[in-house]
């Protein structure tokens, strides 16, 4: 269970350069998801 407070949540998008990662970034932005810290990670 994740508790979201007024400061938001820490989010990591794995595979950020792939198709799913690009869609996740767009969805988080469009839906104004409460993000405290956002990290993008790509596979090597």
N, C-alpha and C. Protein backbone atom coordinates (compact mmCIF):
# COMPACT_ATOMS: atom_id res chain seq x y z
N UNK A 1 0.85 -1.18 0.00
CA UNK A 1 0.00 0.00 0.00
C UNK A 1 0.89 1.24 0.00
N UNK A 2 0.59 2.17 -0.85
CA UNK A 2 1.35 3.41 -0.95
C UNK A 2 0.51 4.57 -0.42
N UNK A 3 1.10 5.34 0.46
CA UNK A 3 0.41 6.51 1.00
C UNK A 3 0.94 7.74 0.29
N UNK A 4 0.05 8.50 -0.32
CA UNK A 4 0.43 9.71 -1.03
C UNK A 4 0.10 10.90 -0.13
N UNK A 5 1.10 11.68 0.21
CA UNK A 5 0.84 12.87 1.00
C UNK A 5 0.90 14.10 0.10
N UNK A 6 0.82 15.28 0.69
CA UNK A 6 0.79 16.50 -0.10
C UNK A 6 2.10 16.75 -0.85
N UNK A 7 3.16 16.06 -0.48
CA UNK A 7 4.44 16.24 -1.15
C UNK A 7 4.59 15.34 -2.36
N UNK A 8 3.74 14.35 -2.52
CA UNK A 8 3.82 13.44 -3.66
C UNK A 8 4.60 12.18 -3.34
N UNK A 9 4.87 11.41 -4.37
CA UNK A 9 5.56 10.13 -4.22
C UNK A 9 6.83 10.12 -5.06
N UNK A 10 7.75 9.25 -4.70
CA UNK A 10 8.96 9.04 -5.49
C UNK A 10 8.63 8.05 -6.60
N UNK A 11 9.00 8.38 -7.83
CA UNK A 11 8.67 7.54 -8.98
C UNK A 11 9.93 7.27 -9.79
N UNK A 12 10.10 6.02 -10.21
CA UNK A 12 11.18 5.65 -11.13
C UNK A 12 10.54 4.98 -12.33
N UNK A 13 10.89 5.45 -13.52
CA UNK A 13 10.40 4.85 -14.76
C UNK A 13 11.54 4.03 -15.34
N UNK A 14 11.38 2.71 -15.33
CA UNK A 14 12.40 1.81 -15.86
C UNK A 14 12.18 1.60 -17.34
N UNK A 15 13.23 1.58 -18.11
CA UNK A 15 13.10 1.44 -19.55
C UNK A 15 12.52 2.71 -20.17
N UNK A 16 12.95 3.85 -19.66
CA UNK A 16 12.37 5.14 -20.03
C UNK A 16 12.53 5.49 -21.51
N UNK A 17 13.51 4.90 -22.20
CA UNK A 17 13.71 5.23 -23.61
C UNK A 17 12.91 4.33 -24.54
N UNK A 18 12.27 3.30 -24.00
CA UNK A 18 11.46 2.40 -24.81
C UNK A 18 10.04 2.91 -24.97
N UNK A 19 9.22 2.16 -25.69
CA UNK A 19 7.84 2.57 -25.96
C UNK A 19 7.02 2.70 -24.68
N UNK A 20 7.10 1.70 -23.80
CA UNK A 20 6.32 1.75 -22.56
C UNK A 20 6.79 2.90 -21.68
N UNK A 21 8.09 3.11 -21.61
CA UNK A 21 8.62 4.22 -20.82
C UNK A 21 8.14 5.57 -21.32
N UNK A 22 8.11 5.74 -22.64
CA UNK A 22 7.63 7.01 -23.21
C UNK A 22 6.16 7.24 -22.90
N UNK A 23 5.37 6.17 -22.97
CA UNK A 23 3.94 6.29 -22.66
C UNK A 23 3.75 6.61 -21.17
N UNK A 24 4.53 5.95 -20.31
CA UNK A 24 4.43 6.23 -18.87
C UNK A 24 4.74 7.68 -18.56
N UNK A 25 5.79 8.22 -19.17
CA UNK A 25 6.13 9.63 -18.94
C UNK A 25 4.99 10.54 -19.36
N UNK A 26 4.38 10.25 -20.52
CA UNK A 26 3.28 11.08 -21.01
C UNK A 26 2.06 10.98 -20.10
N UNK A 27 1.73 9.77 -19.66
CA UNK A 27 0.56 9.56 -18.80
C UNK A 27 0.74 10.27 -17.45
N UNK A 28 1.92 10.15 -16.86
CA UNK A 28 2.18 10.83 -15.59
C UNK A 28 2.02 12.34 -15.74
N UNK A 29 2.48 12.88 -16.85
CA UNK A 29 2.36 14.31 -17.09
C UNK A 29 0.92 14.73 -17.35
N UNK A 30 0.21 13.99 -18.20
CA UNK A 30 -1.17 14.34 -18.56
C UNK A 30 -2.12 14.27 -17.36
N UNK A 31 -1.90 13.32 -16.47
CA UNK A 31 -2.82 13.12 -15.35
C UNK A 31 -2.40 13.88 -14.10
N UNK A 32 -1.35 14.68 -14.21
CA UNK A 32 -0.88 15.51 -13.10
C UNK A 32 -0.67 14.68 -11.84
N UNK A 33 0.01 13.53 -12.00
CA UNK A 33 0.30 12.63 -10.90
C UNK A 33 1.18 13.34 -9.87
N UNK A 34 0.86 13.22 -8.57
CA UNK A 34 1.63 13.95 -7.54
C UNK A 34 3.02 13.34 -7.33
N UNK A 35 4.01 13.88 -8.01
CA UNK A 35 5.36 13.33 -7.98
C UNK A 35 6.27 14.22 -7.14
N UNK A 36 6.95 13.59 -6.18
CA UNK A 36 7.94 14.29 -5.36
C UNK A 36 9.30 14.24 -6.04
N UNK A 37 9.68 13.07 -6.53
CA UNK A 37 10.97 12.88 -7.18
C UNK A 37 10.76 11.92 -8.35
N UNK A 38 11.26 12.27 -9.53
CA UNK A 38 11.07 11.45 -10.72
C UNK A 38 12.42 11.09 -11.31
N UNK A 39 12.65 9.80 -11.50
CA UNK A 39 13.91 9.31 -12.07
C UNK A 39 13.60 8.48 -13.30
N UNK A 40 14.39 8.67 -14.35
CA UNK A 40 14.27 7.88 -15.57
C UNK A 40 15.48 6.97 -15.68
N UNK A 41 15.24 5.69 -15.92
CA UNK A 41 16.33 4.72 -16.01
C UNK A 41 16.18 3.92 -17.30
N UNK A 42 17.29 3.77 -18.00
CA UNK A 42 17.30 3.00 -19.24
C UNK A 42 18.13 1.74 -19.04
N UNK A 43 17.81 0.71 -19.80
CA UNK A 43 18.61 -0.51 -19.72
C UNK A 43 19.91 -0.31 -20.49
N UNK A 44 20.93 -0.99 -20.05
CA UNK A 44 22.25 -0.80 -20.66
C UNK A 44 22.41 -1.62 -21.92
